C-alpha cells in the first residue's frame, strides 16, 4: 500500500488528501468495491467481468484508491499489466474493445484540485513501488468527466490528446425533429425500400438465444466485408467472440447490451450491437448483408432504427463510437475529445513515454501529423 499526505498552502493537512492505493489481482474480488459508483458504460461489471474472464493473456491489476485515514474508497482503476518488446506496461483493461476508459468514482468523492493531485501522485508512486517493477503507464481514451464528476486521471494530460474521439448525437424529446435534421440521409426512403421485402421488420433481441444468433450473423457479415477491404478482422476469434457473447448473456435482459437487426424472409439484412447506460447509448458494431442490399443502406438503416427505438425508451445521448467515418457527421454527431496520458515509471519506459508525448503534441497540428504519418508509411488513424 502507498500512502501520500498532502499539505495544503494554508498549512493545514486535508483529511481527504491522505491517499492509499491497494492493488487487487482478481476482478471478482474487486467488483464489489464501488459497485454503485460513477462510471461509464465500459467500467460496469457487465463489461469488465466478461473482459477479465475472456482476455487471459494479460495480468489483472485493479488499483483501489482510498482515504488512508478513514479507509473509505475514493476510486478504482481497472487495469492490466503485460510485457511488450521487453517493456512492462500498465494500461486500462481494454485492448481495443472499449470506446473509452476511466476510473470508477465513489458517489460522494470530493475531487478538488488537492485530492486530484494526490490521487495521481499516489497511483504513480504505488506502481513504481510494485514488485513487478513496471516500466510504463499508459492511460488512453479517457473522457474528461465520469458520471458528471471530473475524471482525476486526465490531470496529467491534455484534453483532446488522444488520436481517437467519441461522436455524440444529442437529441431532444421529439424524434421527428431529429429525423428532419438528417433528412438528406433519406432514412424514411430506405425503410420503404426495405419494407417491400416479404416479412421485413426491425427487431431488438429480447432474449439471449436470439441475441447470440444475431451476433453469429454479425461476425460472418463483418468478416466478409473486412476481407473485401483487405483489413484484418479479429472480433470473431475465440477470445473476442467469447467476450461479446458473455456481455450479451449478462446484459440483454436488463437492456444494457442492445443487439438489433433488420430481418426479412430472405434472412438477416443488417445488425448492430451497442451498450446502454441510463440515457446514453454507445454504438459499437454494425454489419450488413453486402452490395445486394445497398438500395436500402442497411448499415445506416439498422443504426437509425435502433436510435429511434431507444429514443422511445428515453435515450437522448447516442455515441456513434470512436473513429471519424463520414456517416457519423451525416447523423449529426459532434466530436467528443478524449485524453491520453503516458508516464515513465522507470528509465526503461522513458523513451516510450517521450514518443507518446511527441505524438500527442503533434496532434495539435493535424496537417503536420498527417505528413509525419505518411513519412512513416502509416495511414490515418
Protein backbone atom coordinates (compact mmCIF):
# COMPACT_ATOMS: atom_id res chain seq x y z
CA UNK A 1 0.00 0.00 0.00
CA UNK A 2 1.21 3.50 -0.80
CA UNK A 3 0.12 6.44 1.33
CA UNK A 4 0.55 10.09 0.48
CA UNK A 5 -0.13 13.02 2.78
CA UNK A 6 -0.50 16.35 1.02
CA UNK A 7 -0.02 19.60 2.93
CA UNK A 8 -2.11 22.45 1.59
CA UNK A 9 -0.83 26.01 1.06
CA UNK A 10 -2.64 27.28 4.13
CA UNK A 11 -0.59 24.95 6.32
CA UNK A 12 -3.48 22.65 7.11
CA UNK A 13 -3.45 18.96 6.27
CA UNK A 14 -6.60 17.87 4.43
CA UNK A 15 -8.17 14.69 5.69
CA UNK A 16 -9.06 13.85 2.09
CA UNK A 17 -5.50 14.13 0.75
CA UNK A 18 -4.01 11.18 2.62
CA UNK A 19 -4.34 8.66 -0.19
CA UNK A 20 -3.82 4.90 -0.14
CA UNK A 21 -3.50 2.64 -3.16
CA UNK A 22 -4.02 -1.12 -2.98
CA UNK A 23 -3.67 -3.45 -5.96
CA UNK A 24 -6.11 -6.31 -6.46
CA UNK A 25 -5.19 -9.02 -8.96
CA UNK A 26 -8.63 -10.59 -9.35
CA UNK A 27 -11.58 -8.65 -10.79
CA UNK A 28 -14.06 -10.85 -8.93
CA UNK A 29 -12.57 -9.64 -5.65
CA UNK A 30 -12.60 -6.02 -6.78
CA UNK A 31 -16.06 -5.99 -8.37
CA UNK A 32 -17.94 -5.47 -5.10
CA UNK A 33 -15.96 -2.29 -4.40
CA UNK A 34 -17.72 0.86 -5.64
CA UNK A 35 -20.39 -1.19 -7.43
CA UNK A 36 -22.69 1.82 -7.05
CA UNK A 37 -20.04 4.32 -8.11
CA UNK A 38 -19.91 6.67 -11.08
CA UNK A 39 -18.61 5.04 -14.25
CA UNK A 40 -19.11 4.97 -17.98
CA UNK A 41 -20.75 2.03 -19.74
CA UNK A 42 -17.31 0.41 -20.12
CA UNK A 43 -16.41 0.21 -16.42
CA UNK A 44 -19.50 -1.66 -15.28
CA UNK A 45 -19.21 -5.24 -14.08
CA UNK A 46 -21.41 -6.19 -17.08
CA UNK A 47 -18.46 -5.18 -19.30
CA UNK A 48 -15.35 -5.69 -17.17
CA UNK A 49 -16.45 -9.05 -15.78
CA UNK A 50 -16.57 -10.62 -19.27
CA UNK A 51 -13.43 -8.71 -20.24
CA UNK A 52 -11.23 -10.07 -17.45
CA UNK A 53 -12.78 -13.51 -17.94
CA UNK A 54 -12.01 -13.56 -21.68
CA UNK A 55 -8.66 -11.79 -22.11
CA UNK A 56 -6.46 -14.09 -20.08
CA UNK A 57 -3.07 -13.41 -21.69
CA UNK A 58 -2.63 -10.31 -19.54
CA UNK A 59 -2.40 -9.89 -15.77
CA UNK A 60 -5.26 -8.08 -13.98
CA UNK A 61 -4.13 -5.09 -11.94
CA UNK A 62 -7.00 -3.19 -10.32
CA UNK A 63 -5.97 -0.14 -8.29
CA UNK A 64 -8.26 0.64 -5.35
CA UNK A 65 -7.70 4.22 -4.21
CA UNK A 66 -8.95 5.20 -0.77
CA UNK A 67 -8.68 7.71 2.04
CA UNK A 68 -5.95 6.31 4.29
CA UNK A 69 -7.42 7.88 7.42
CA UNK A 70 -10.99 6.64 7.06
CA UNK A 71 -10.43 3.66 4.77
CA UNK A 72 -13.23 4.92 2.54
CA UNK A 73 -12.87 4.13 -1.14
CA UNK A 74 -12.46 7.10 -3.49
CA UNK A 75 -11.88 5.45 -6.85
CA UNK A 76 -10.99 2.20 -8.57
CA UNK A 77 -8.90 1.94 -11.75
CA UNK A 78 -9.42 -1.29 -13.77
CA UNK A 79 -6.05 -2.03 -15.34
CA UNK A 80 -3.81 -4.82 -16.63
CA UNK A 81 -0.09 -5.38 -16.99
CA UNK A 82 1.74 -7.11 -19.82
CA UNK A 83 5.14 -7.19 -21.49
CA UNK A 84 5.71 -5.76 -24.96
CA UNK A 85 9.19 -5.59 -26.52
CA UNK A 86 10.63 -6.32 -23.11
CA UNK A 87 8.85 -3.31 -21.52
CA UNK A 88 6.46 -3.94 -18.62
CA UNK A 89 3.39 -1.85 -19.44
CA UNK A 90 0.38 -0.97 -17.29
CA UNK A 91 -2.76 0.18 -19.07
CA UNK A 92 -6.54 0.06 -18.83
CA UNK A 93 -8.42 -3.21 -19.30
CA UNK A 94 -9.27 -2.50 -22.93
CA UNK A 95 -7.11 -3.99 -25.74
CA UNK A 96 -9.16 -2.10 -28.30
CA UNK A 97 -12.72 -3.16 -27.43
CA UNK A 98 -13.75 -0.26 -25.16
CA UNK A 99 -14.67 3.14 -26.56
CA UNK A 100 -13.37 4.94 -23.50
CA UNK A 101 -11.52 4.21 -20.27
CA UNK A 102 -11.85 5.81 -16.87
CA UNK A 103 -11.72 5.17 -13.14
CA UNK A 104 -14.83 4.21 -11.21
CA UNK A 105 -15.53 7.05 -8.77
CA UNK A 106 -17.21 6.89 -5.38
CA UNK A 107 -20.67 8.52 -5.41
CA UNK A 108 -19.61 11.09 -2.83
CA UNK A 109 -15.99 11.56 -3.91
CA UNK A 110 -14.92 15.20 -3.38
CA UNK A 111 -12.38 15.67 -6.15
CA UNK A 112 -10.90 19.10 -5.59
CA UNK A 113 -7.51 20.03 -7.04
CA UNK A 114 -5.57 18.87 -3.99
CA UNK A 115 -7.21 15.45 -3.93
CA UNK A 116 -6.86 15.04 -7.70
CA UNK A 117 -3.14 15.79 -7.48
CA UNK A 118 -2.76 13.41 -4.57
CA UNK A 119 -4.57 10.59 -6.41
CA UNK A 120 -2.30 10.89 -9.43
CA UNK A 121 0.89 11.01 -7.41
CA UNK A 122 -0.15 8.14 -5.15
CA UNK A 123 -1.10 5.91 -8.10
CA UNK A 124 2.22 6.53 -9.86
CA UNK A 125 4.21 6.05 -6.65
CA UNK A 126 2.39 2.79 -5.97
CA UNK A 127 3.12 1.49 -9.47
CA UNK A 128 6.80 2.40 -9.12
CA UNK A 129 6.97 0.59 -5.79
CA UNK A 130 5.22 -2.57 -7.04
CA UNK A 131 7.35 -5.75 -7.01
CA UNK A 132 6.76 -6.29 -10.73
CA UNK A 133 8.93 -3.21 -11.49
CA UNK A 134 6.61 -1.75 -14.12
CA UNK A 135 8.23 0.47 -16.76
CA UNK A 136 5.40 2.44 -18.36
CA UNK A 137 1.87 3.59 -17.51
CA UNK A 138 -0.40 4.29 -20.47
CA UNK A 139 -3.91 5.61 -19.87
CA UNK A 140 -5.72 6.07 -23.18
CA UNK A 141 -9.11 7.27 -24.43
CA UNK A 142 -10.15 8.97 -21.19
CA UNK A 143 -13.23 11.21 -21.06
CA UNK A 144 -12.97 14.47 -19.16
CA UNK A 145 -15.86 13.53 -16.87
CA UNK A 146 -17.24 10.36 -15.33
CA UNK A 147 -20.89 10.47 -14.33
CA UNK A 148 -20.76 14.27 -14.19
CA UNK A 149 -17.66 14.28 -11.97
CA UNK A 150 -14.23 15.38 -13.20
CA UNK A 151 -12.00 12.47 -14.20
CA UNK A 152 -8.97 12.87 -11.90
CA UNK A 153 -6.63 10.92 -14.19
CA UNK A 154 -6.80 13.41 -17.08
CA UNK A 155 -4.91 15.94 -14.95
CA UNK A 156 -1.55 14.77 -16.28
CA UNK A 157 -2.60 15.02 -19.93
CA UNK A 158 -4.10 17.46 -22.41
CA UNK A 159 -7.78 17.27 -23.28
CA UNK A 160 -8.03 16.01 -26.84
CA UNK A 161 -4.53 14.49 -26.89
CA UNK A 162 -5.91 11.08 -27.90
CA UNK A 163 -5.88 10.15 -31.58
CA UNK A 164 -9.45 8.93 -31.07
CA UNK A 165 -12.63 10.70 -30.05
CA UNK A 166 -16.25 9.99 -29.34
CA UNK A 167 -19.01 11.04 -31.75
CA UNK A 168 -22.05 12.22 -29.83
CA UNK A 169 -25.55 12.89 -31.10
CA UNK A 170 -27.70 14.81 -28.61
CA UNK A 171 -31.46 14.67 -29.12
CA UNK A 172 -34.47 16.40 -27.71
CA UNK A 173 -37.75 14.75 -26.81
CA UNK A 174 -39.23 14.83 -30.31
CA UNK A 175 -37.61 12.25 -32.58
CA UNK A 176 -39.34 13.76 -35.60
CA UNK A 177 -37.23 16.89 -35.11
CA UNK A 178 -34.10 14.79 -35.27
CA UNK A 179 -35.31 12.94 -38.38
CA UNK A 180 -35.87 16.29 -40.07
CA UNK A 181 -32.30 17.35 -39.21
CA UNK A 182 -30.87 14.34 -41.10
CA UNK A 183 -33.35 14.32 -43.98
CA UNK A 184 -30.54 14.25 -46.55
CA UNK A 185 -29.76 10.70 -45.43
CA UNK A 186 -33.21 9.65 -46.69
CA UNK A 187 -33.77 7.12 -43.96
CA UNK A 188 -37.58 7.04 -44.48
CA UNK A 189 -36.99 6.17 -48.15
CA UNK A 190 -34.51 3.43 -47.14
CA UNK A 191 -37.10 1.99 -44.76
CA UNK A 192 -39.75 1.99 -47.51
CA UNK A 193 -37.39 0.17 -49.88
CA UNK A 194 -36.53 -2.42 -47.24
CA UNK A 195 -40.20 -2.84 -46.28
CA UNK A 196 -41.04 -4.07 -49.76
CA UNK A 197 -39.39 -7.38 -48.91
CA UNK A 198 -41.64 -10.10 -47.54
CA UNK A 199 -41.58 -10.27 -43.76
CA UNK A 200 -39.46 -7.12 -43.43
CA UNK A 201 -39.11 -5.90 -39.84
CA UNK A 202 -36.77 -4.31 -37.35
CA UNK A 203 -36.16 -6.06 -34.07
CA UNK A 204 -34.20 -5.75 -30.86
CA UNK A 205 -33.30 -9.11 -29.35
CA UNK A 206 -35.05 -9.60 -26.02
CA UNK A 207 -33.53 -12.93 -25.03
CA UNK A 208 -30.00 -14.32 -25.01
CA UNK A 209 -30.58 -17.07 -27.57
CA UNK A 210 -31.84 -14.66 -30.23
CA UNK A 211 -29.13 -12.13 -29.43
CA UNK A 212 -26.46 -14.80 -29.87
CA UNK A 213 -27.99 -15.82 -33.21
CA UNK A 214 -27.72 -12.24 -34.43
CA UNK A 215 -24.14 -11.94 -33.12
CA UNK A 216 -23.25 -15.04 -35.17
CA UNK A 217 -24.61 -13.34 -38.29
CA UNK A 218 -22.78 -10.11 -37.40
CA UNK A 219 -19.46 -11.94 -37.15
CA UNK A 220 -19.93 -13.50 -40.59
CA UNK A 221 -21.08 -10.28 -42.27
CA UNK A 222 -18.27 -8.21 -40.77
CA UNK A 223 -15.71 -10.88 -41.71
CA UNK A 224 -16.85 -10.80 -45.33
CA UNK A 225 -16.71 -7.03 -45.50
CA UNK A 226 -13.28 -6.77 -43.86
CA UNK A 227 -11.90 -9.41 -46.22
CA UNK A 228 -13.11 -7.39 -49.23
CA UNK A 229 -11.44 -4.30 -47.78
CA UNK A 230 -8.24 -6.23 -47.19
CA UNK A 231 -8.43 -5.50 -43.46
CA UNK A 232 -7.60 -7.95 -40.70
CA UNK A 233 -10.65 -8.89 -38.66
CA UNK A 234 -10.29 -10.24 -35.12
CA UNK A 235 -13.67 -9.69 -33.48
CA UNK A 236 -14.80 -13.21 -34.30
CA UNK A 237 -11.73 -15.01 -32.97
CA UNK A 238 -12.19 -17.24 -29.95
CA UNK A 239 -11.31 -14.61 -27.34
CA UNK A 240 -13.34 -11.72 -28.78
CA UNK A 241 -16.33 -13.91 -29.63
CA UNK A 242 -16.40 -15.24 -26.08
CA UNK A 243 -16.18 -11.72 -24.68
CA UNK A 244 -19.02 -10.24 -26.75
CA UNK A 245 -21.31 -13.17 -26.13
CA UNK A 246 -20.74 -13.00 -22.39
CA UNK A 247 -21.54 -9.26 -22.41
CA UNK A 248 -24.73 -10.14 -24.28
CA UNK A 249 -25.57 -13.01 -21.94
CA UNK A 250 -25.27 -10.78 -18.89
CA UNK A 251 -26.78 -7.63 -20.32
CA UNK A 252 -29.64 -8.34 -22.74
CA UNK A 253 -32.38 -8.87 -20.17
CA UNK A 254 -31.78 -5.55 -18.39
CA UNK A 255 -31.26 -3.60 -21.62
CA UNK A 256 -27.56 -2.93 -21.13
CA UNK A 257 -26.49 -4.97 -24.17
CA UNK A 258 -28.53 -3.99 -27.24
CA UNK A 259 -28.47 -6.31 -30.26
CA UNK A 260 -30.73 -5.21 -33.12
CA UNK A 261 -31.38 -6.30 -36.69
CA UNK A 262 -33.18 -5.75 -39.96
CA UNK A 263 -34.81 -9.06 -40.85
CA UNK A 264 -36.97 -10.35 -43.69
CA UNK A 265 -37.93 -13.76 -45.06
CA UNK A 266 -34.67 -13.80 -47.02
CA UNK A 267 -32.62 -13.57 -43.84
CA UNK A 268 -30.84 -11.06 -41.62
CA UNK A 269 -30.01 -7.99 -43.70
CA UNK A 270 -28.21 -5.87 -41.12
CA UNK A 271 -27.26 -5.95 -37.44
CA UNK A 272 -25.94 -3.65 -34.77
CA UNK A 273 -24.51 -4.09 -31.28
CA UNK A 274 -24.09 -1.49 -28.58
CA UNK A 275 -24.39 -0.88 -24.86
CA UNK A 276 -26.72 1.40 -22.96
CA UNK A 277 -26.33 3.13 -19.64
CA UNK A 278 -29.15 5.34 -18.47
CA UNK A 279 -29.95 7.83 -21.21
CA UNK A 280 -26.73 7.14 -23.14
CA UNK A 281 -26.18 4.53 -25.84
CA UNK A 282 -22.86 3.57 -27.43
CA UNK A 283 -22.98 2.06 -30.92
CA UNK A 284 -20.08 -0.38 -31.16
CA UNK A 285 -20.58 -2.67 -34.16
CA UNK A 286 -22.63 -2.64 -37.40
CA UNK A 287 -22.87 -5.24 -40.14
CA UNK A 288 -24.88 -5.65 -43.33
CA UNK A 289 -25.58 -8.25 -45.99
CA UNK A 290 -23.47 -6.68 -48.73
CA UNK A 291 -23.96 -4.98 -52.07
CA UNK A 292 -27.17 -6.84 -52.90
CA UNK A 293 -28.93 -4.74 -50.24
CA UNK A 294 -27.30 -1.39 -50.98
CA UNK A 295 -30.56 0.16 -52.22
CA UNK A 296 -31.80 0.38 -48.64
CA UNK A 297 -28.45 1.23 -46.97
CA UNK A 298 -28.91 -1.48 -44.32
CA UNK A 299 -25.92 -0.47 -42.19
CA UNK A 300 -27.16 3.08 -41.78
CA UNK A 301 -30.78 1.99 -41.53
CA UNK A 302 -30.23 -0.51 -38.71
CA UNK A 303 -28.36 2.19 -36.77
CA UNK A 304 -31.13 4.75 -37.31
CA UNK A 305 -33.91 2.31 -36.41
CA UNK A 306 -32.02 1.38 -33.24
CA UNK A 307 -31.72 5.05 -32.31
CA UNK A 308 -35.45 5.56 -32.92
CA UNK A 309 -36.39 2.55 -30.76
CA UNK A 310 -34.11 3.58 -27.90
CA UNK A 311 -35.26 7.20 -28.11
CA UNK A 312 -38.78 5.92 -27.46
CA UNK A 313 -37.39 4.27 -24.30
CA UNK A 314 -35.83 7.50 -23.03
CA UNK A 315 -32.33 7.52 -24.51
CA UNK A 316 -31.22 11.01 -25.54
CA UNK A 317 -27.44 10.67 -25.97
CA UNK A 318 -26.14 8.49 -28.80
CA UNK A 319 -22.40 8.00 -29.10
CA UNK A 320 -21.66 6.52 -32.53
CA UNK A 321 -18.27 5.32 -31.43
CA UNK A 322 -14.62 6.20 -31.82
CA UNK A 323 -13.28 6.79 -35.30
CA UNK A 324 -14.41 9.51 -37.67
CA UNK A 325 -16.17 7.80 -40.55
CA UNK A 326 -18.20 10.16 -42.70
CA UNK A 327 -21.59 8.67 -41.85
CA UNK A 328 -21.24 9.89 -38.26
CA UNK A 329 -21.19 13.51 -39.42
CA UNK A 330 -24.24 12.78 -41.55
CA UNK A 331 -26.01 11.55 -38.42
CA UNK A 332 -25.20 14.91 -36.84
CA UNK A 333 -22.55 13.65 -34.42
CA UNK A 334 -20.22 16.13 -32.73
CA UNK A 335 -16.72 15.05 -31.79
CA UNK A 336 -16.03 14.48 -28.08
CA UNK A 337 -12.31 14.79 -27.24
CA UNK A 338 -10.56 12.07 -25.27
CA UNK A 339 -7.28 12.25 -23.38
CA UNK A 340 -4.14 10.09 -23.39
CA UNK A 341 -1.58 10.08 -20.60
CA UNK A 342 1.78 8.28 -20.60
CA UNK A 343 4.09 8.17 -17.58
CA UNK A 344 7.55 6.60 -17.44
CA UNK A 345 7.84 4.51 -14.30
CA UNK A 346 11.50 3.55 -14.89
CA UNK A 347 14.31 4.71 -17.20
CA UNK A 348 13.40 1.80 -19.48
CA UNK A 349 9.94 3.26 -20.05
CA UNK A 350 11.16 6.82 -20.64
CA UNK A 351 11.76 6.58 -24.42
CA UNK A 352 8.27 5.17 -24.94
CA UNK A 353 6.69 7.90 -22.82
CA UNK A 354 8.66 10.57 -24.77
CA UNK A 355 7.44 9.10 -28.05
CA UNK A 356 3.85 9.11 -26.79
CA UNK A 357 4.19 12.73 -25.67
CA UNK A 358 5.59 13.73 -29.05
CA UNK A 359 2.68 12.07 -30.85
CA UNK A 360 0.17 13.72 -28.53
CA UNK A 361 1.75 17.14 -29.11
CA UNK A 362 1.76 16.63 -32.87
CA UNK A 363 -1.99 16.07 -32.83
CA UNK A 364 -2.45 19.78 -32.19
CA UNK A 365 -1.38 20.25 -35.80
CA UNK A 366 -3.41 17.83 -37.98
CA UNK A 367 -1.64 18.71 -41.24
CA UNK A 368 1.79 18.09 -39.73
CA UNK A 369 0.55 14.87 -38.12
CA UNK A 370 -0.74 13.60 -41.47
CA UNK A 371 2.59 14.46 -43.12
CA UNK A 372 4.51 12.62 -40.41
CA UNK A 373 2.24 9.59 -40.74
CA UNK A 374 2.84 9.46 -44.49
CA UNK A 375 6.58 9.82 -43.98
CA UNK A 376 6.50 6.80 -41.65
CA UNK A 377 4.35 4.84 -44.07
CA UNK A 378 1.28 4.93 -41.90
CA UNK A 379 -2.24 5.71 -42.96
CA UNK A 380 -4.58 7.96 -40.99
CA UNK A 381 -5.93 6.55 -37.73
